[in-house]
PDB file of N, CA and C in Angstrom:
ATOM      1  N   UNK A   1     -74.874 -23.435  57.930  1.00  0.00           N
ATOM      2  CA  UNK A   1     -75.044 -23.222  59.357  1.00  0.00           C
ATOM      3  C   UNK A   1     -76.262 -23.971  59.881  1.00  0.00           C
ATOM      4  N   UNK A   2     -77.371 -23.910  59.136  1.00  0.00           N
ATOM      5  CA  UNK A   2     -78.574 -24.594  59.605  1.00  0.00           C
ATOM      6  C   UNK A   2     -78.360 -26.100  59.567  1.00  0.00           C
ATOM      7  N   UNK A   3     -77.695 -26.587  58.543  1.00  0.00           N
ATOM      8  CA  UNK A   3     -77.434 -28.018  58.444  1.00  0.00           C
ATOM      9  C   UNK A   3     -76.577 -28.481  59.623  1.00  0.00           C
ATOM     10  N   UNK A   4     -75.582 -27.689  59.959  1.00  0.00           N
ATOM     11  CA  UNK A   4     -74.710 -28.011  61.097  1.00  0.00           C
ATOM     12  C   UNK A   4     -75.518 -28.048  62.390  1.00  0.00           C
ATOM     13  N   UNK A   5     -76.404 -27.094  62.568  1.00  0.00           N
ATOM     14  CA  UNK A   5     -77.234 -27.048  63.767  1.00  0.00           C
ATOM     15  C   UNK A   5     -78.146 -28.276  63.846  1.00  0.00           C
ATOM     16  N   UNK A   6     -78.722 -28.674  62.717  1.00  0.00           N
ATOM     17  CA  UNK A   6     -79.611 -29.836  62.706  1.00  0.00           C
ATOM     18  C   UNK A   6     -78.830 -31.116  63.021  1.00  0.00           C
ATOM     19  N   UNK A   7     -77.615 -31.234  62.500  1.00  0.00           N
ATOM     20  CA  UNK A   7     -76.772 -32.399  62.836  1.00  0.00           C
ATOM     21  C   UNK A   7     -76.452 -32.407  64.325  1.00  0.00           C
ATOM     22  N   UNK A   8     -76.203 -31.243  64.881  1.00  0.00           N
ATOM     23  CA  UNK A   8     -75.913 -31.120  66.313  1.00  0.00           C
ATOM     24  C   UNK A   8     -77.120 -31.568  67.148  1.00  0.00           C
ATOM     25  N   UNK A   9     -78.293 -31.177  66.723  1.00  0.00           N
ATOM     26  CA  UNK A   9     -79.526 -31.570  67.418  1.00  0.00           C
ATOM     27  C   UNK A   9     -79.683 -33.091  67.370  1.00  0.00           C
ATOM     28  N   UNK A  10     -79.491 -33.672  66.188  1.00  0.00           N
ATOM     29  CA  UNK A  10     -79.610 -35.123  66.057  1.00  0.00           C
ATOM     30  C   UNK A  10     -78.586 -35.850  66.932  1.00  0.00           C
ATOM     31  N   UNK A  11     -77.368 -35.359  66.955  1.00  0.00           N
ATOM     32  CA  UNK A  11     -76.328 -35.973  67.781  1.00  0.00           C
ATOM     33  C   UNK A  11     -76.690 -35.900  69.262  1.00  0.00           C
ATOM     34  N   UNK A  12     -77.225 -34.769  69.688  1.00  0.00           N
ATOM     35  CA  UNK A  12     -77.623 -34.616  71.085  1.00  0.00           C
ATOM     36  C   UNK A  12     -78.714 -35.626  71.449  1.00  0.00           C
ATOM     37  N   UNK A  13     -79.659 -35.805  70.562  1.00  0.00           N
ATOM     38  CA  UNK A  13     -80.744 -36.766  70.805  1.00  0.00           C
ATOM     39  C   UNK A  13     -80.177 -38.187  70.857  1.00  0.00           C
ATOM     40  N   UNK A  14     -79.270 -38.504  69.943  1.00  0.00           N
ATOM     41  CA  UNK A  14     -78.709 -39.856  69.890  1.00  0.00           C
ATOM     42  C   UNK A  14     -77.923 -40.212  71.143  1.00  0.00           C
ATOM     43  N   UNK A  15     -77.295 -39.243  71.769  1.00  0.00           N
ATOM     44  CA  UNK A  15     -76.467 -39.564  72.936  1.00  0.00           C
ATOM     45  C   UNK A  15     -77.116 -39.174  74.269  1.00  0.00           C
ATOM     46  N   UNK A  16     -78.373 -38.736  74.233  1.00  0.00           N
ATOM     47  CA  UNK A  16     -79.051 -38.325  75.469  1.00  0.00           C
ATOM     48  C   UNK A  16     -79.152 -39.508  76.430  1.00  0.00           C
ATOM     49  N   UNK A  17     -78.596 -39.355  77.634  1.00  0.00           N
ATOM     50  CA  UNK A  17     -78.644 -40.459  78.588  1.00  0.00           C
ATOM     51  C   UNK A  17     -80.068 -40.682  79.111  1.00  0.00           C
ATOM     52  N   UNK A  18     -80.410 -41.939  79.241  1.00  0.00           N
ATOM     53  CA  UNK A  18     -81.692 -42.273  79.835  1.00  0.00           C
ATOM     54  C   UNK A  18     -82.901 -42.023  78.948  1.00  0.00           C
ATOM     55  N   UNK A  19     -82.692 -41.687  77.704  1.00  0.00           N
ATOM     56  CA  UNK A  19     -83.812 -41.455  76.794  1.00  0.00           C
ATOM     57  C   UNK A  19     -84.260 -42.801  76.236  1.00  0.00           C
ATOM     58  N   UNK A  20     -85.491 -43.206  76.551  1.00  0.00           N
ATOM     59  CA  UNK A  20     -85.969 -44.497  76.026  1.00  0.00           C
ATOM     60  C   UNK A  20     -85.947 -44.509  74.500  1.00  0.00           C
ATOM     61  N   UNK A  21     -85.651 -45.661  73.951  1.00  0.00           N
ATOM     62  CA  UNK A  21     -85.497 -45.787  72.502  1.00  0.00           C
ATOM     63  C   UNK A  21     -86.724 -45.331  71.712  1.00  0.00           C
ATOM     64  N   UNK A  22     -87.950 -45.617  72.152  1.00  0.00           N
ATOM     65  CA  UNK A  22     -89.097 -45.124  71.376  1.00  0.00           C
ATOM     66  C   UNK A  22     -89.147 -43.590  71.272  1.00  0.00           C
ATOM     67  N   UNK A  23     -88.822 -42.890  72.366  1.00  0.00           N
ATOM     68  CA  UNK A  23     -88.804 -41.430  72.338  1.00  0.00           C
ATOM     69  C   UNK A  23     -87.657 -40.913  71.480  1.00  0.00           C
ATOM     70  N   UNK A  24     -86.523 -41.599  71.561  1.00  0.00           N
ATOM     71  CA  UNK A  24     -85.360 -41.205  70.749  1.00  0.00           C
ATOM     72  C   UNK A  24     -85.714 -41.299  69.261  1.00  0.00           C
ATOM     73  N   UNK A  25     -86.301 -42.407  68.863  1.00  0.00           N
ATOM     74  CA  UNK A  25     -86.677 -42.591  67.462  1.00  0.00           C
ATOM     75  C   UNK A  25     -87.726 -41.569  67.027  1.00  0.00           C
ATOM     76  N   UNK A  26     -88.705 -41.314  67.887  1.00  0.00           N
ATOM     77  CA  UNK A  26     -89.753 -40.340  67.564  1.00  0.00           C
ATOM     78  C   UNK A  26     -89.132 -38.952  67.354  1.00  0.00           C
ATOM     79  N   UNK A  27     -88.249 -38.559  68.261  1.00  0.00           N
ATOM     80  CA  UNK A  27     -87.598 -37.254  68.128  1.00  0.00           C
ATOM     81  C   UNK A  27     -86.754 -37.174  66.866  1.00  0.00           C
ATOM     82  N   UNK A  28     -86.022 -38.214  66.559  1.00  0.00           N
ATOM     83  CA  UNK A  28     -85.197 -38.202  65.351  1.00  0.00           C
ATOM     84  C   UNK A  28     -86.059 -38.104  64.101  1.00  0.00           C
ATOM     85  N   UNK A  29     -87.209 -38.772  64.097  1.00  0.00           N
ATOM     86  CA  UNK A  29     -88.133 -38.644  62.972  1.00  0.00           C
ATOM     87  C   UNK A  29     -88.669 -37.221  62.861  1.00  0.00           C
ATOM     88  N   UNK A  30     -89.029 -36.640  64.003  1.00  0.00           N
ATOM     89  CA  UNK A  30     -89.543 -35.270  63.998  1.00  0.00           C
ATOM     90  C   UNK A  30     -88.483 -34.287  63.516  1.00  0.00           C
ATOM     91  N   UNK A  31     -87.250 -34.480  63.943  1.00  0.00           N
ATOM     92  CA  UNK A  31     -86.165 -33.600  63.503  1.00  0.00           C
ATOM     93  C   UNK A  31     -85.947 -33.740  61.998  1.00  0.00           C
ATOM     94  N   UNK A  32     -86.047 -34.952  61.478  1.00  0.00           N
ATOM     95  CA  UNK A  32     -85.895 -35.143  60.028  1.00  0.00           C
ATOM     96  C   UNK A  32     -86.996 -34.387  59.278  1.00  0.00           C
ATOM     97  N   UNK A  33     -88.216 -34.456  59.790  1.00  0.00           N
ATOM     98  CA  UNK A  33     -89.318 -33.719  59.163  1.00  0.00           C
ATOM     99  C   UNK A  33     -89.090 -32.224  59.290  1.00  0.00           C
ATOM    100  N   UNK A  34     -88.659 -31.794  60.469  1.00  0.00           N
ATOM    101  CA  UNK A  34     -88.400 -30.369  60.671  1.00  0.00           C
ATOM    102  C   UNK A  34     -87.280 -29.878  59.769  1.00  0.00           C
ATOM    103  N   UNK A  35     -86.289 -30.696  59.552  1.00  0.00           N
ATOM    104  CA  UNK A  35     -85.188 -30.307  58.661  1.00  0.00           C
ATOM    105  C   UNK A  35     -85.739 -29.978  57.280  1.00  0.00           C
ATOM    106  N   UNK A  36     -86.593 -30.840  56.751  1.00  0.00           N
ATOM    107  CA  UNK A  36     -87.190 -30.608  55.434  1.00  0.00           C
ATOM    108  C   UNK A  36     -88.021 -29.326  55.433  1.00  0.00           C
ATOM    109  N   UNK A  37     -88.836 -29.166  56.462  1.00  0.00           N
ATOM    110  CA  UNK A  37     -89.724 -28.009  56.525  1.00  0.00           C
ATOM    111  C   UNK A  37     -88.956 -26.706  56.721  1.00  0.00           C
ATOM    112  N   UNK A  38     -87.953 -26.734  57.558  1.00  0.00           N
ATOM    113  CA  UNK A  38     -87.145 -25.528  57.806  1.00  0.00           C
ATOM    114  C   UNK A  38     -86.349 -25.171  56.561  1.00  0.00           C
ATOM    115  N   UNK A  39     -85.840 -26.186  55.866  1.00  0.00           N
ATOM    116  CA  UNK A  39     -85.123 -25.913  54.609  1.00  0.00           C
ATOM    117  C   UNK A  39     -86.042 -25.230  53.601  1.00  0.00           C
ATOM    118  N   UNK A  40     -87.263 -25.720  53.492  1.00  0.00           N
ATOM    119  CA  UNK A  40     -88.227 -25.111  52.561  1.00  0.00           C
ATOM    120  C   UNK A  40     -88.568 -23.690  52.994  1.00  0.00           C
ATOM    121  N   UNK A  41     -88.765 -23.493  54.272  1.00  0.00           N
ATOM    122  CA  UNK A  41     -89.094 -22.171  54.794  1.00  0.00           C
ATOM    123  C   UNK A  41     -87.946 -21.187  54.581  1.00  0.00           C
ATOM    124  N   UNK A  42     -86.725 -21.675  54.696  1.00  0.00           N
ATOM    125  CA  UNK A  42     -85.554 -20.803  54.584  1.00  0.00           C
ATOM    126  C   UNK A  42     -85.453 -20.131  53.219  1.00  0.00           C
ATOM    127  N   UNK A  43     -86.050 -20.741  52.208  1.00  0.00           N
ATOM    128  CA  UNK A  43     -85.996 -20.145  50.869  1.00  0.00           C
ATOM    129  C   UNK A  43     -86.708 -18.798  50.813  1.00  0.00           C
ATOM    130  N   UNK A  44     -87.749 -18.651  51.632  1.00  0.00           N
ATOM    131  CA  UNK A  44     -88.508 -17.396  51.603  1.00  0.00           C
ATOM    132  C   UNK A  44     -88.437 -16.619  52.919  1.00  0.00           C
ATOM    133  N   UNK A  45     -88.103 -17.286  54.009  1.00  0.00           N
ATOM    134  CA  UNK A  45     -88.085 -16.661  55.342  1.00  0.00           C
ATOM    135  C   UNK A  45     -86.857 -17.156  56.113  1.00  0.00           C
ATOM    136  N   UNK A  46     -85.687 -16.782  55.660  1.00  0.00           N
ATOM    137  CA  UNK A  46     -84.451 -17.315  56.232  1.00  0.00           C
ATOM    138  C   UNK A  46     -84.307 -17.013  57.722  1.00  0.00           C
ATOM    139  N   UNK A  47     -84.587 -15.800  58.140  1.00  0.00           N
ATOM    140  CA  UNK A  47     -84.438 -15.456  59.553  1.00  0.00           C
ATOM    141  C   UNK A  47     -85.394 -16.259  60.428  1.00  0.00           C
ATOM    142  N   UNK A  48     -86.611 -16.447  59.954  1.00  0.00           N
ATOM    143  CA  UNK A  48     -87.579 -17.242  60.712  1.00  0.00           C
ATOM    144  C   UNK A  48     -87.119 -18.695  60.810  1.00  0.00           C
ATOM    145  N   UNK A  49     -86.595 -19.228  59.728  1.00  0.00           N
ATOM    146  CA  UNK A  49     -86.100 -20.604  59.741  1.00  0.00           C
ATOM    147  C   UNK A  49     -84.953 -20.755  60.735  1.00  0.00           C
ATOM    148  N   UNK A  50     -84.088 -19.764  60.791  1.00  0.00           N
ATOM    149  CA  UNK A  50     -82.979 -19.795  61.761  1.00  0.00           C
ATOM    150  C   UNK A  50     -83.499 -19.756  63.193  1.00  0.00           C
ATOM    151  N   UNK A  51     -84.533 -18.968  63.434  1.00  0.00           N
ATOM    152  CA  UNK A  51     -85.118 -18.904  64.780  1.00  0.00           C
ATOM    153  C   UNK A  51     -85.695 -20.253  65.188  1.00  0.00           C
ATOM    154  N   UNK A  52     -86.383 -20.892  64.261  1.00  0.00           N
ATOM    155  CA  UNK A  52     -86.954 -22.200  64.558  1.00  0.00           C
ATOM    156  C   UNK A  52     -85.844 -23.191  64.905  1.00  0.00           C
ATOM    157  N   UNK A  53     -84.800 -23.225  64.100  1.00  0.00           N
ATOM    158  CA  UNK A  53     -83.678 -24.133  64.352  1.00  0.00           C
ATOM    159  C   UNK A  53     -83.008 -23.803  65.689  1.00  0.00           C
ATOM    160  N   UNK A  54     -82.859 -22.522  65.979  1.00  0.00           N
ATOM    161  CA  UNK A  54     -82.253 -22.100  67.242  1.00  0.00           C
ATOM    162  C   UNK A  54     -83.072 -22.597  68.437  1.00  0.00           C
ATOM    163  N   UNK A  55     -84.379 -22.379  68.396  1.00  0.00           N
ATOM    164  CA  UNK A  55     -85.208 -22.782  69.530  1.00  0.00           C
ATOM    165  C   UNK A  55     -85.339 -24.302  69.628  1.00  0.00           C
ATOM    166  N   UNK A  56     -85.288 -25.005  68.508  1.00  0.00           N
ATOM    167  CA  UNK A  56     -85.276 -26.462  68.553  1.00  0.00           C
ATOM    168  C   UNK A  56     -83.990 -26.942  69.220  1.00  0.00           C
ATOM    169  N   UNK A  57     -82.890 -26.316  68.870  1.00  0.00           N
ATOM    170  CA  UNK A  57     -81.597 -26.637  69.484  1.00  0.00           C
ATOM    171  C   UNK A  57     -81.656 -26.385  70.992  1.00  0.00           C
ATOM    172  N   UNK A  58     -82.147 -25.225  71.382  1.00  0.00           N
ATOM    173  CA  UNK A  58     -82.243 -24.899  72.813  1.00  0.00           C
ATOM    174  C   UNK A  58     -83.160 -25.872  73.538  1.00  0.00           C
ATOM    175  N   UNK A  59     -84.257 -26.235  72.905  1.00  0.00           N
ATOM    176  CA  UNK A  59     -85.208 -27.153  73.534  1.00  0.00           C
ATOM    177  C   UNK A  59     -84.608 -28.538  73.732  1.00  0.00           C
ATOM    178  N   UNK A  60     -83.927 -29.050  72.706  1.00  0.00           N
ATOM    179  CA  UNK A  60     -83.320 -30.374  72.865  1.00  0.00           C
ATOM    180  C   UNK A  60     -82.182 -30.337  73.877  1.00  0.00           C
ATOM    181  N   UNK A  61     -81.468 -29.226  73.925  1.00  0.00           N
ATOM    182  CA  UNK A  61     -80.412 -29.086  74.932  1.00  0.00           C
ATOM    183  C   UNK A  61     -81.005 -29.168  76.337  1.00  0.00           C
ATOM    184  N   UNK A  62     -82.037 -28.389  76.583  1.00  0.00           N
ATOM    185  CA  UNK A  62     -82.637 -28.366  77.920  1.00  0.00           C
ATOM    186  C   UNK A  62     -83.284 -29.698  78.280  1.00  0.00           C
ATOM    187  N   UNK A  63     -83.934 -30.339  77.315  1.00  0.00           N
ATOM    188  CA  UNK A  63     -84.606 -31.608  77.592  1.00  0.00           C
ATOM    189  C   UNK A  63     -83.616 -32.738  77.847  1.00  0.00           C
ATOM    190  N   UNK A  64     -82.424 -32.658  77.260  1.00  0.00           N
ATOM    191  CA  UNK A  64     -81.468 -33.744  77.392  1.00  0.00           C
ATOM    192  C   UNK A  64     -80.435 -33.523  78.499  1.00  0.00           C
ATOM    193  N   UNK A  65     -80.570 -32.449  79.235  1.00  0.00           N
ATOM    194  CA  UNK A  65     -79.641 -32.199  80.345  1.00  0.00           C
ATOM    195  C   UNK A  65     -79.772 -33.278  81.406  1.00  0.00           C
ATOM    196  N   UNK A  66     -78.672 -33.616  82.035  1.00  0.00           N
ATOM    197  CA  UNK A  66     -78.707 -34.575  83.129  1.00  0.00           C
ATOM    198  C   UNK A  66     -79.461 -33.989  84.311  1.00  0.00           C
ATOM    199  N   UNK A  67     -79.152 -32.757  84.621  1.00  0.00           N
ATOM    200  CA  UNK A  67     -79.836 -32.052  85.708  1.00  0.00           C
ATOM    201  C   UNK A  67     -80.882 -31.130  85.080  1.00  0.00           C
ATOM    202  N   UNK A  68     -82.134 -31.545  85.167  1.00  0.00           N
ATOM    203  CA  UNK A  68     -83.226 -30.830  84.492  1.00  0.00           C
ATOM    204  C   UNK A  68     -83.480 -29.462  85.126  1.00  0.00           C
ATOM    205  N   UNK A  69     -83.792 -28.504  84.255  1.00  0.00           N
ATOM    206  CA  UNK A  69     -84.179 -27.152  84.650  1.00  0.00           C
ATOM    207  C   UNK A  69     -85.525 -26.879  83.989  1.00  0.00           C
ATOM    208  N   UNK A  70     -86.629 -27.265  84.636  1.00  0.00           N
ATOM    209  CA  UNK A  70     -87.952 -27.169  84.004  1.00  0.00           C
ATOM    210  C   UNK A  70     -88.293 -25.777  83.460  1.00  0.00           C
ATOM    211  N   UNK A  71     -87.896 -24.737  84.156  1.00  0.00           N
ATOM    212  CA  UNK A  71     -88.214 -23.388  83.672  1.00  0.00           C
ATOM    213  C   UNK A  71     -87.475 -23.066  82.382  1.00  0.00           C
ATOM    214  N   UNK A  72     -86.237 -23.522  82.269  1.00  0.00           N
ATOM    215  CA  UNK A  72     -85.474 -23.283  81.047  1.00  0.00           C
ATOM    216  C   UNK A  72     -86.040 -24.085  79.883  1.00  0.00           C
ATOM    217  N   UNK A  73     -86.450 -25.325  80.154  1.00  0.00           N
ATOM    218  CA  UNK A  73     -87.066 -26.124  79.105  1.00  0.00           C
ATOM    219  C   UNK A  73     -88.366 -25.478  78.649  1.00  0.00           C
ATOM    220  N   UNK A  74     -89.153 -25.024  79.587  1.00  0.00           N
ATOM    221  CA  UNK A  74     -90.414 -24.373  79.230  1.00  0.00           C
ATOM    222  C   UNK A  74     -90.169 -23.122  78.392  1.00  0.00           C
ATOM    223  N   UNK A  75     -89.177 -22.320  78.778  1.00  0.00           N
ATOM    224  CA  UNK A  75     -88.864 -21.107  78.018  1.00  0.00           C
ATOM    225  C   UNK A  75     -88.417 -21.450  76.597  1.00  0.00           C
ATOM    226  N   UNK A  76     -87.585 -22.475  76.457  1.00  0.00           N
ATOM    227  CA  UNK A  76     -87.110 -22.870  75.132  1.00  0.00           C
ATOM    228  C   UNK A  76     -88.264 -23.411  74.283  1.00  0.00           C
ATOM    229  N   UNK A  77     -89.114 -24.227  74.886  1.00  0.00           N
ATOM    230  CA  UNK A  77     -90.266 -24.772  74.155  1.00  0.00           C
ATOM    231  C   UNK A  77     -91.230 -23.662  73.766  1.00  0.00           C
ATOM    232  N   UNK A  78     -91.440 -22.694  74.654  1.00  0.00           N
ATOM    233  CA  UNK A  78     -92.314 -21.563  74.317  1.00  0.00           C
ATOM    234  C   UNK A  78     -91.738 -20.772  73.148  1.00  0.00           C
ATOM    235  N   UNK A  79     -90.431 -20.595  73.133  1.00  0.00           N
ATOM    236  CA  UNK A  79     -89.786 -19.909  72.019  1.00  0.00           C
ATOM    237  C   UNK A  79     -89.945 -20.682  70.722  1.00  0.00           C
ATOM    238  N   UNK A  80     -89.819 -22.013  70.807  1.00  0.00           N
ATOM    239  CA  UNK A  80     -89.993 -22.854  69.626  1.00  0.00           C
ATOM    240  C   UNK A  80     -91.411 -22.726  69.081  1.00  0.00           C
ATOM    241  N   UNK A  81     -92.380 -22.800  69.964  1.00  0.00           N
ATOM    242  CA  UNK A  81     -93.783 -22.667  69.546  1.00  0.00           C
ATOM    243  C   UNK A  81     -94.046 -21.286  68.951  1.00  0.00           C
ATOM    244  N   UNK A  82     -93.549 -20.253  69.613  1.00  0.00           N
ATOM    245  CA  UNK A  82     -93.760 -18.885  69.118  1.00  0.00           C
ATOM    246  C   UNK A  82     -93.095 -18.672  67.760  1.00  0.00           C
ATOM    247  N   UNK A  83     -91.982 -19.359  67.514  1.00  0.00           N
ATOM    248  CA  UNK A  83     -91.250 -19.159  66.261  1.00  0.00           C
ATOM    249  C   UNK A  83     -92.009 -19.681  65.041  1.00  0.00           C
ATOM    250  N   UNK A  84     -93.011 -20.539  65.248  1.00  0.00           N
ATOM    251  CA  UNK A  84     -93.775 -21.068  64.107  1.00  0.00           C
ATOM    252  C   UNK A  84     -95.217 -20.581  64.067  1.00  0.00           C
ATOM    253  N   UNK A  85     -95.637 -19.801  65.043  1.00  0.00           N
ATOM    254  CA  UNK A  85     -97.041 -19.382  65.101  1.00  0.00           C
ATOM    255  C   UNK A  85     -97.521 -18.694  63.830  1.00  0.00           C
ATOM    256  N   UNK A  86     -96.693 -17.879  63.225  1.00  0.00           N
ATOM    257  CA  UNK A  86     -97.100 -17.154  62.021  1.00  0.00           C
ATOM    258  C   UNK A  86     -97.198 -18.039  60.789  1.00  0.00           C
ATOM    259  N   UNK A  87     -96.771 -19.288  60.905  1.00  0.00           N
ATOM    260  CA  UNK A  87     -96.750 -20.179  59.752  1.00  0.00           C
ATOM    261  C   UNK A  87     -97.787 -21.299  59.843  1.00  0.00           C
ATOM    262  N   UNK A  88     -98.721 -21.176  60.779  1.00  0.00           N
ATOM    263  CA  UNK A  88     -99.717 -22.237  60.950  1.00  0.00           C
ATOM    264  C   UNK A  88    -100.502 -22.487  59.666  1.00  0.00           C
ATOM    265  N   UNK A  89    -100.934 -21.430  58.998  1.00  0.00           N
ATOM    266  CA  UNK A  89    -101.737 -21.626  57.784  1.00  0.00           C
ATOM    267  C   UNK A  89    -100.876 -21.865  56.543  1.00  0.00           C
ATOM    268  N   UNK A  90     -99.728 -21.217  56.446  1.00  0.00           N
ATOM    269  CA  UNK A  90     -98.915 -21.358  55.241  1.00  0.00           C
ATOM    270  C   UNK A  90     -98.022 -22.606  55.259  1.00  0.00           C
ATOM    271  N   UNK A  91     -97.672 -23.099  56.437  1.00  0.00           N
ATOM    272  CA  UNK A  91     -96.805 -24.278  56.574  1.00  0.00           C
ATOM    273  C   UNK A  91     -97.373 -25.190  57.672  1.00  0.00           C
ATOM    274  N   UNK A  92     -98.545 -25.791  57.428  1.00  0.00           N
ATOM    275  CA  UNK A  92     -99.203 -26.579  58.475  1.00  0.00           C
ATOM    276  C   UNK A  92     -98.388 -27.786  58.952  1.00  0.00           C
ATOM    277  N   UNK A  93     -97.619 -28.386  58.050  1.00  0.00           N
ATOM    278  CA  UNK A  93     -96.799 -29.538  58.466  1.00  0.00           C
ATOM    279  C   UNK A  93     -95.704 -29.101  59.438  1.00  0.00           C
ATOM    280  N   UNK A  94     -95.094 -27.968  59.173  1.00  0.00           N
ATOM    281  CA  UNK A  94     -94.089 -27.413  60.074  1.00  0.00           C
ATOM    282  C   UNK A  94     -94.707 -27.150  61.438  1.00  0.00           C
ATOM    283  N   UNK A  95     -95.851 -26.498  61.438  1.00  0.00           N
ATOM    284  CA  UNK A  95     -96.533 -26.152  62.686  1.00  0.00           C
ATOM    285  C   UNK A  95     -96.878 -27.415  63.482  1.00  0.00           C
ATOM    286  N   UNK A  96     -97.450 -28.407  62.819  1.00  0.00           N
ATOM    287  CA  UNK A  96     -97.844 -29.649  63.501  1.00  0.00           C
ATOM    288  C   UNK A  96     -96.632 -30.404  64.035  1.00  0.00           C
ATOM    289  N   UNK A  97     -95.555 -30.420  63.261  1.00  0.00           N
ATOM    290  CA  UNK A  97     -94.355 -31.140  63.680  1.00  0.00           C
ATOM    291  C   UNK A  97     -93.718 -30.470  64.894  1.00  0.00           C
ATOM    292  N   UNK A  98     -93.685 -29.153  64.917  1.00  0.00           N
ATOM    293  CA  UNK A  98     -93.148 -28.449  66.076  1.00  0.00           C
ATOM    294  C   UNK A  98     -94.000 -28.742  67.310  1.00  0.00           C
ATOM    295  N   UNK A  99     -95.298 -28.774  67.141  1.00  0.00           N
ATOM    296  CA  UNK A  99     -96.162 -29.096  68.279  1.00  0.00           C
ATOM    297  C   UNK A  99     -95.898 -30.503  68.795  1.00  0.00           C
ATOM    298  N   UNK A 100     -95.729 -31.460  67.888  1.00  0.00           N
ATOM    299  CA  UNK A 100     -95.422 -32.832  68.308  1.00  0.00           C
ATOM    300  C   UNK A 100     -94.075 -32.886  69.027  1.00  0.00           C
ATOM    301  N   UNK A 101     -93.096 -32.198  68.482  1.00  0.00           N
ATOM    302  CA  UNK A 101     -91.776 -32.176  69.109  1.00  0.00           C
ATOM    303  C   UNK A 101     -91.840 -31.551  70.496  1.00  0.00           C
ATOM    304  N   UNK A 102     -92.630 -30.507  70.644  1.00  0.00           N
ATOM    305  CA  UNK A 102     -92.771 -29.856  71.948  1.00  0.00           C
ATOM    306  C   UNK A 102     -93.329 -30.814  72.991  1.00  0.00           C
ATOM    307  N   UNK A 103     -94.289 -31.628  72.588  1.00  0.00           N
ATOM    308  CA  UNK A 103     -94.880 -32.584  73.513  1.00  0.00           C
ATOM    309  C   UNK A 103     -93.839 -33.626  73.937  1.00  0.00           C
ATOM    310  N   UNK A 104     -93.104 -34.163  72.967  1.00  0.00           N
ATOM    311  CA  UNK A 104     -92.081 -35.156  73.280  1.00  0.00           C
ATOM    312  C   UNK A 104     -91.006 -34.547  74.181  1.00  0.00           C
ATOM    313  N   UNK A 105     -90.570 -33.341  73.848  1.00  0.00           N
ATOM    314  CA  UNK A 105     -89.537 -32.666  74.657  1.00  0.00           C
ATOM    315  C   UNK A 105     -90.042 -32.373  76.068  1.00  0.00           C
ATOM    316  N   UNK A 106     -91.290 -31.993  76.181  1.00  0.00           N
ATOM    317  CA  UNK A 106     -91.866 -31.728  77.508  1.00  0.00           C
ATOM    318  C   UNK A 106     -91.848 -33.001  78.336  1.00  0.00           C
ATOM    319  N   UNK A 107     -92.184 -34.116  77.713  1.00  0.00           N
ATOM    320  CA  UNK A 107     -92.186 -35.388  78.434  1.00  0.00           C
ATOM    321  C   UNK A 107     -90.773 -35.795  78.841  1.00  0.00           C
ATOM    322  N   UNK A 108     -89.770 -35.433  78.040  1.00  0.00           N
ATOM    323  CA  UNK A 108     -88.375 -35.729  78.392  1.00  0.00           C
ATOM    324  C   UNK A 108     -87.942 -34.927  79.596  1.00  0.00           C
ATOM    325  N   UNK A 109     -88.486 -33.725  79.730  1.00  0.00           N
ATOM    326  CA  UNK A 109     -88.053 -32.838  80.803  1.00  0.00           C
ATOM    327  C   UNK A 109     -88.665 -33.124  82.154  1.00  0.00           C
ATOM    328  N   UNK A 110     -89.586 -34.070  82.194  1.00  0.00           N
ATOM    329  CA  UNK A 110     -90.249 -34.374  83.472  1.00  0.00           C
ATOM    330  C   UNK A 110     -89.372 -35.190  84.371  1.00  0.00           C
TER     331      UNK A 110
END
């Protein structure tokens, strides 16, 4: 299920209209890193890993919409950030990657 969700996220990024190629590549790299980190996290914290994947999915959905809804994007990004807060010290790469993704997604939603 998580693998399917991550493929869906990547597909959404690849077909997002009007997304400049540098941002597209950056997001795809971040998703690849997040995939590794979420997979590792899922071994010990499966529900938390699912939440992270869910909020990443929601965030990319909102950021890639043709008709932007800034409040919905903000809510999804806040959920994504909140989903990793407890892992800042134990999974610093996951935490940093989510923060980077949030910045890129926020810029897409403008």
